[in-house]
C-alpha atoms as a PDB file:
ATOM      1  CA  MET A   1     153.733 102.492  92.933  1.00  0.00           C
ATOM      2  CA  VAL A   2     151.907 105.913  93.202  1.00  0.00           C
ATOM      3  CA  ASN A   3     148.106 105.366  94.810  1.00  0.00           C
ATOM      4  CA  GLU A   4     146.374 108.325  92.879  1.00  0.00           C
ATOM      5  CA  LYS A   5     143.367 109.403  94.999  1.00  0.00           C
ATOM      6  CA  LYS A   6     140.918 110.696  91.890  1.00  0.00           C
ATOM      7  CA  GLN A   7     139.157 113.975  93.529  1.00  0.00           C
ATOM      8  CA  SER A   8     135.651 113.224  92.452  1.00  0.00           C
ATOM      9  CA  PRO A   9     133.105 116.056  91.278  1.00  0.00           C
ATOM     10  CA  GLU A  10     131.204 118.454  94.343  1.00  0.00           C
ATOM     11  CA  GLY A  11     128.820 116.395  95.522  1.00  0.00           C
ATOM     12  CA  LYS A  12     129.292 113.800  93.948  1.00  0.00           C
ATOM     13  CA  PHE A  13     130.599 109.931  95.733  1.00  0.00           C
ATOM     14  CA  MET A  14     131.699 106.653  94.651  1.00  0.00           C
ATOM     15  CA  SER A  15     133.315 103.540  96.052  1.00  0.00           C
ATOM     16  CA  THR A  16     132.834  99.941  96.097  1.00  0.00           C
ATOM     17  CA  VAL A  17     131.642  98.025  99.169  1.00  0.00           C
ATOM     18  CA  LYS A  18     131.795  94.036 100.056  1.00  0.00           C
ATOM     19  CA  VAL A  19     128.959  93.025 101.387  1.00  0.00           C
ATOM     20  CA  GLY A  20     129.901  90.799 104.972  1.00  0.00           C
ATOM     21  CA  GLU A  21     128.402  87.302 105.616  1.00  0.00           C
ATOM     22  CA  LYS A  22     125.835  89.024 107.501  1.00  0.00           C
ATOM     23  CA  GLY A  23     124.639  90.879 104.708  1.00  0.00           C
ATOM     24  CA  GLN A  24     125.664  94.404 105.729  1.00  0.00           C
ATOM     25  CA  ILE A  25     127.527  96.687 104.225  1.00  0.00           C
ATOM     26  CA  VAL A  26     129.654  99.970 105.847  1.00  0.00           C
ATOM     27  CA  ILE A  27     129.487 102.756 103.876  1.00  0.00           C
ATOM     28  CA  PRO A  28     132.233 104.694 103.704  1.00  0.00           C
ATOM     29  CA  LYS A  29     133.150 108.114 105.647  1.00  0.00           C
ATOM     30  CA  GLY A  30     133.295 109.974 102.361  1.00  0.00           C
ATOM     31  CA  ALA A  31     129.711 109.454 101.071  1.00  0.00           C
ATOM     32  CA  ARG A  32     128.338 109.368 105.043  1.00  0.00           C
ATOM     33  CA  ASP A  33     130.323 112.773 105.318  1.00  0.00           C
ATOM     34  CA  LEU A  34     128.528 114.012 102.069  1.00  0.00           C
ATOM     35  CA  PHE A  35     125.261 112.872 103.155  1.00  0.00           C
ATOM     36  CA  ASP A  36     125.544 114.360 106.328  1.00  0.00           C
ATOM     37  CA  ILE A  37     124.615 110.311 107.619  1.00  0.00           C
ATOM     38  CA  LYS A  38     125.726 110.267 111.741  1.00  0.00           C
ATOM     39  CA  PRO A  39     125.667 107.193 113.771  1.00  0.00           C
ATOM     40  CA  GLY A  40     121.720 106.493 115.023  1.00  0.00           C
ATOM     41  CA  ASP A  41     120.326 107.840 111.866  1.00  0.00           C
ATOM     42  CA  THR A  42     117.788 105.667 109.681  1.00  0.00           C
ATOM     43  CA  LEU A  43     118.108 105.074 106.277  1.00  0.00           C
ATOM     44  CA  LEU A  44     115.626 103.956 103.816  1.00  0.00           C
ATOM     45  CA  LEU A  45     116.512 101.248 101.674  1.00  0.00           C
ATOM     46  CA  LEU A  46     114.588 101.352  98.186  1.00  0.00           C
ATOM     47  CA  ALA A  47     114.835  98.528  95.876  1.00  0.00           C
ATOM     48  CA  ASP A  48     113.574  98.243  92.280  1.00  0.00           C
ATOM     49  CA  LYS A  49     114.677  94.514  90.535  1.00  0.00           C
ATOM     50  CA  GLU A  50     115.207  96.740  87.642  1.00  0.00           C
ATOM     51  CA  GLN A  51     116.777  99.716  88.133  1.00  0.00           C
ATOM     52  CA  GLY A  52     118.875  98.985  91.621  1.00  0.00           C
ATOM     53  CA  ILE A  53     118.916  99.720  95.630  1.00  0.00           C
ATOM     54  CA  ALA A  54     118.886 103.530  97.168  1.00  0.00           C
ATOM     55  CA  ILE A  55     119.689 104.218 100.373  1.00  0.00           C
ATOM     56  CA  VAL A  56     118.570 107.542 101.331  1.00  0.00           C
ATOM     57  CA  ARG A  57     118.160 109.430 104.808  1.00  0.00           C
ATOM     58  CA  ASN A  58     114.531 108.808 106.362  1.00  0.00           C
ATOM     59  CA  ASP A  59     114.556 112.161 107.132  1.00  0.00           C
ATOM     60  CA  LEU A  60     114.967 113.741 103.815  1.00  0.00           C
ATOM     61  CA  PHE A  61     112.256 110.920 102.307  1.00  0.00           C
ATOM     62  CA  LYS A  62     110.024 112.036 105.033  1.00  0.00           C
ATOM     63  CA  ASN A  63     110.086 115.933 104.327  1.00  0.00           C
ATOM     64  CA  PHE A  64     109.971 114.928 100.153  1.00  0.00           C
ATOM     65  CA  ALA A  65     106.606 112.773 101.093  1.00  0.00           C
ATOM     66  CA  ASN A  66     104.761 115.575 103.555  1.00  0.00           C
ATOM     67  CA  GLU A  67     105.596 118.096 100.312  1.00  0.00           C
ATOM     68  CA  ILE A  68     104.343 116.314  97.975  1.00  0.00           C
ATOM     69  CA  LEU A  69     101.284 115.263 100.478  1.00  0.00           C
ATOM     70  CA  ARG A  70     101.123 119.597 101.101  1.00  0.00           C
ATOM     71  CA  VAL A  71     100.943 119.934  97.319  1.00  0.00           C
ATOM     72  CA  GLN A  72      97.968 117.185  96.695  1.00  0.00           C
ATOM     73  CA  ASP A  73      95.820 118.691  99.753  1.00  0.00           C
ATOM     74  CA  LYS A  74      95.639 122.236  98.225  1.00  0.00           C
ATOM     75  CA  PRO A  75      92.730 122.636  96.242  1.00  0.00           C
ATOM     76  CA  GLU A  76      92.840 123.456  92.426  1.00  0.00           C
ATOM     77  CA  GLU A  77      93.331 126.843  90.693  1.00  0.00           C
ATOM     78  CA  ALA A  78      90.653 128.079  88.309  1.00  0.00           C
ATOM     79  CA  GLY A  79      91.848 126.951  84.861  1.00  0.00           C
ATOM     80  CA  GLU A  80      93.898 123.615  86.143  1.00  0.00           C
END
């Protein structure tokens, strides 16, 4: 039996993970490499009962949130 490993499209990753007895999962190496996740990094877990769970690097989310706040603090331009 040949073990064929299909290559994911560039910038994409898919895998299954098992939940351990303590509710922990292991983020597969391919995903850690893709998102440059290192030991000690803080991740943000977002959950919605309808849409599922998303895990993002906290620093990227903070940068995104700060940019939203920066844009919101700008005075409105004439005609808007």
